[in-house]
Amino acid sequence: MASRQDQASYHAGEAKARAEEKTGYVVGAAQDKARDATGRAMDKGRGAAEATKEKGYEAKDNAAGTAQQTGSYIAQTAEAAKQKAAGAAQYTIDTARAGTERTGSYIG
């Protein structure tokens, strides 16, 4: 028959083994949770990077569109000024001719 001391030592060994096994489960679960959290954080980071990239492309496209509109506006304004100058020049020529017809002399 085993002595009480042997039985106590046996039970202590079993308790230690159970504690180590539980510790292993707890540590493993904690590691799994940490890996999951890391994966989610990396996914969120990738998503944020992708969203930022998309916003950058949108801003670039908007800037290009604005530049094109501005260029078109400037071209229209220049054309209007050109037509106005041509009209003013023609008015000046017509006025000079009318003055010549009234006075009978032509300068130019």
Protein backbone atom coordinates (compact mmCIF):
# COMPACT_ATOMS: atom_id res chain seq x y z
CA MET A 1 0.00 0.00 0.00
CA ALA A 2 1.16 3.49 -0.80
CA SER A 3 1.86 5.81 2.01
CA ARG A 4 0.02 9.02 2.52
CA GLN A 5 3.05 10.95 1.44
CA ASP A 6 3.17 8.99 -1.83
CA GLN A 7 -0.53 9.62 -2.39
CA ALA A 8 -0.12 13.34 -1.68
CA SER A 9 2.82 13.50 -4.07
CA TYR A 10 0.80 11.66 -6.73
CA HIS A 11 -2.17 14.03 -6.31
CA ALA A 12 0.15 17.04 -6.40
CA GLY A 13 1.64 15.77 -9.66
CA GLU A 14 -1.81 15.31 -11.16
CA ALA A 15 -2.86 18.80 -10.08
CA LYS A 16 0.31 20.24 -11.56
CA ALA A 17 -0.31 18.42 -14.85
CA ARG A 18 -3.92 19.69 -15.01
CA ALA A 19 -2.76 23.25 -14.23
CA GLU A 20 -0.13 23.07 -16.97
CA GLU A 21 -2.70 21.75 -19.44
CA LYS A 22 -5.16 24.53 -18.59
CA THR A 23 -2.37 27.08 -18.86
CA GLY A 24 -1.53 25.71 -22.30
CA TYR A 25 -5.16 26.08 -23.39
CA VAL A 26 -5.38 29.61 -22.01
CA VAL A 27 -2.11 30.66 -23.65
CA GLY A 28 -3.15 29.05 -26.95
CA ALA A 29 -6.50 30.83 -26.86
CA ALA A 30 -4.79 34.13 -26.10
CA GLN A 31 -2.40 33.60 -29.01
CA ASP A 32 -5.32 32.80 -31.34
CA LYS A 33 -7.13 35.96 -30.25
CA ALA A 34 -3.98 38.01 -30.76
CA ARG A 35 -3.53 36.57 -34.27
CA ASP A 36 -7.16 37.31 -35.09
CA ALA A 37 -6.85 40.88 -33.80
CA THR A 38 -3.65 41.38 -35.77
CA GLY A 39 -5.32 40.08 -38.91
CA ARG A 40 -8.32 42.37 -38.45
CA ALA A 41 -6.04 45.35 -37.83
CA MET A 42 -4.06 44.57 -40.97
CA ASP A 43 -7.26 44.21 -42.99
CA LYS A 44 -8.49 47.57 -41.71
CA GLY A 45 -5.13 49.12 -42.56
CA ARG A 46 -5.30 47.74 -46.09
CA GLY A 47 -8.86 48.99 -46.42
CA ALA A 48 -7.86 52.46 -45.24
CA ALA A 49 -4.92 52.52 -47.64
CA GLU A 50 -7.19 51.49 -50.52
CA ALA A 51 -9.76 54.14 -49.59
CA THR A 52 -7.05 56.79 -49.43
CA LYS A 53 -5.74 55.69 -52.81
CA GLU A 54 -9.24 55.93 -54.31
CA LYS A 55 -9.75 59.40 -52.82
CA GLY A 56 -6.43 60.45 -54.35
CA TYR A 57 -7.51 59.24 -57.78
CA GLU A 58 -10.85 61.06 -57.40
CA ALA A 59 -9.06 64.27 -56.42
CA LYS A 60 -6.73 63.91 -59.41
CA ASP A 61 -9.67 63.36 -61.76
CA ASN A 62 -11.54 66.33 -60.29
CA ALA A 63 -8.47 68.53 -60.67
CA ALA A 64 -8.06 67.46 -64.29
CA GLY A 65 -11.72 68.21 -64.96
CA THR A 66 -11.44 71.61 -63.33
CA ALA A 67 -8.31 72.42 -65.34
CA GLN A 68 -10.08 71.39 -68.54
CA GLN A 69 -13.09 73.56 -67.66
CA THR A 70 -10.79 76.47 -66.83
CA GLY A 71 -8.92 76.05 -70.11
CA SER A 72 -12.21 75.94 -72.00
CA TYR A 73 -13.42 79.08 -70.23
CA ILE A 74 -10.20 80.91 -71.05
CA ALA A 75 -10.45 79.86 -74.70
CA GLN A 76 -14.05 81.10 -74.89
CA THR A 77 -13.12 84.37 -73.21
CA ALA A 78 -10.18 84.86 -75.59
CA GLU A 79 -12.41 84.16 -78.59
CA ALA A 80 -14.99 86.67 -77.33
CA ALA A 81 -12.26 89.30 -76.84
CA LYS A 82 -10.91 88.58 -80.34
CA GLN A 83 -14.36 89.02 -81.87
CA LYS A 84 -14.92 92.20 -79.88
CA ALA A 85 -11.55 93.59 -81.06
CA ALA A 86 -12.39 92.67 -84.66
CA GLY A 87 -15.74 94.42 -84.28
CA ALA A 88 -14.05 97.51 -82.83
CA ALA A 89 -11.50 97.55 -85.67
CA GLN A 90 -14.27 97.25 -88.24
CA TYR A 91 -16.16 100.08 -86.53
CA THR A 92 -13.04 102.23 -86.67
CA ILE A 93 -12.59 101.48 -90.39
CA ASP A 94 -16.24 102.24 -91.09
CA THR A 95 -16.07 105.46 -89.11
CA ALA A 96 -12.94 106.54 -90.98
CA ARG A 97 -14.58 105.81 -94.32
CA ALA A 98 -17.66 107.73 -93.33
CA GLY A 99 -15.49 110.66 -92.28
CA THR A 100 -13.63 110.48 -95.58
CA GLU A 101 -16.84 110.50 -97.54
CA ARG A 102 -18.00 113.57 -95.67
CA THR A 103 -14.78 115.47 -96.06
CA GLY A 104 -13.73 114.08 -99.40
CA SER A 105 -10.23 113.07 -98.32
CA TYR A 106 -8.81 109.80 -97.19
CA ILE A 107 -6.08 109.48 -94.62
CA GLY A 108 -4.09 106.30 -94.79
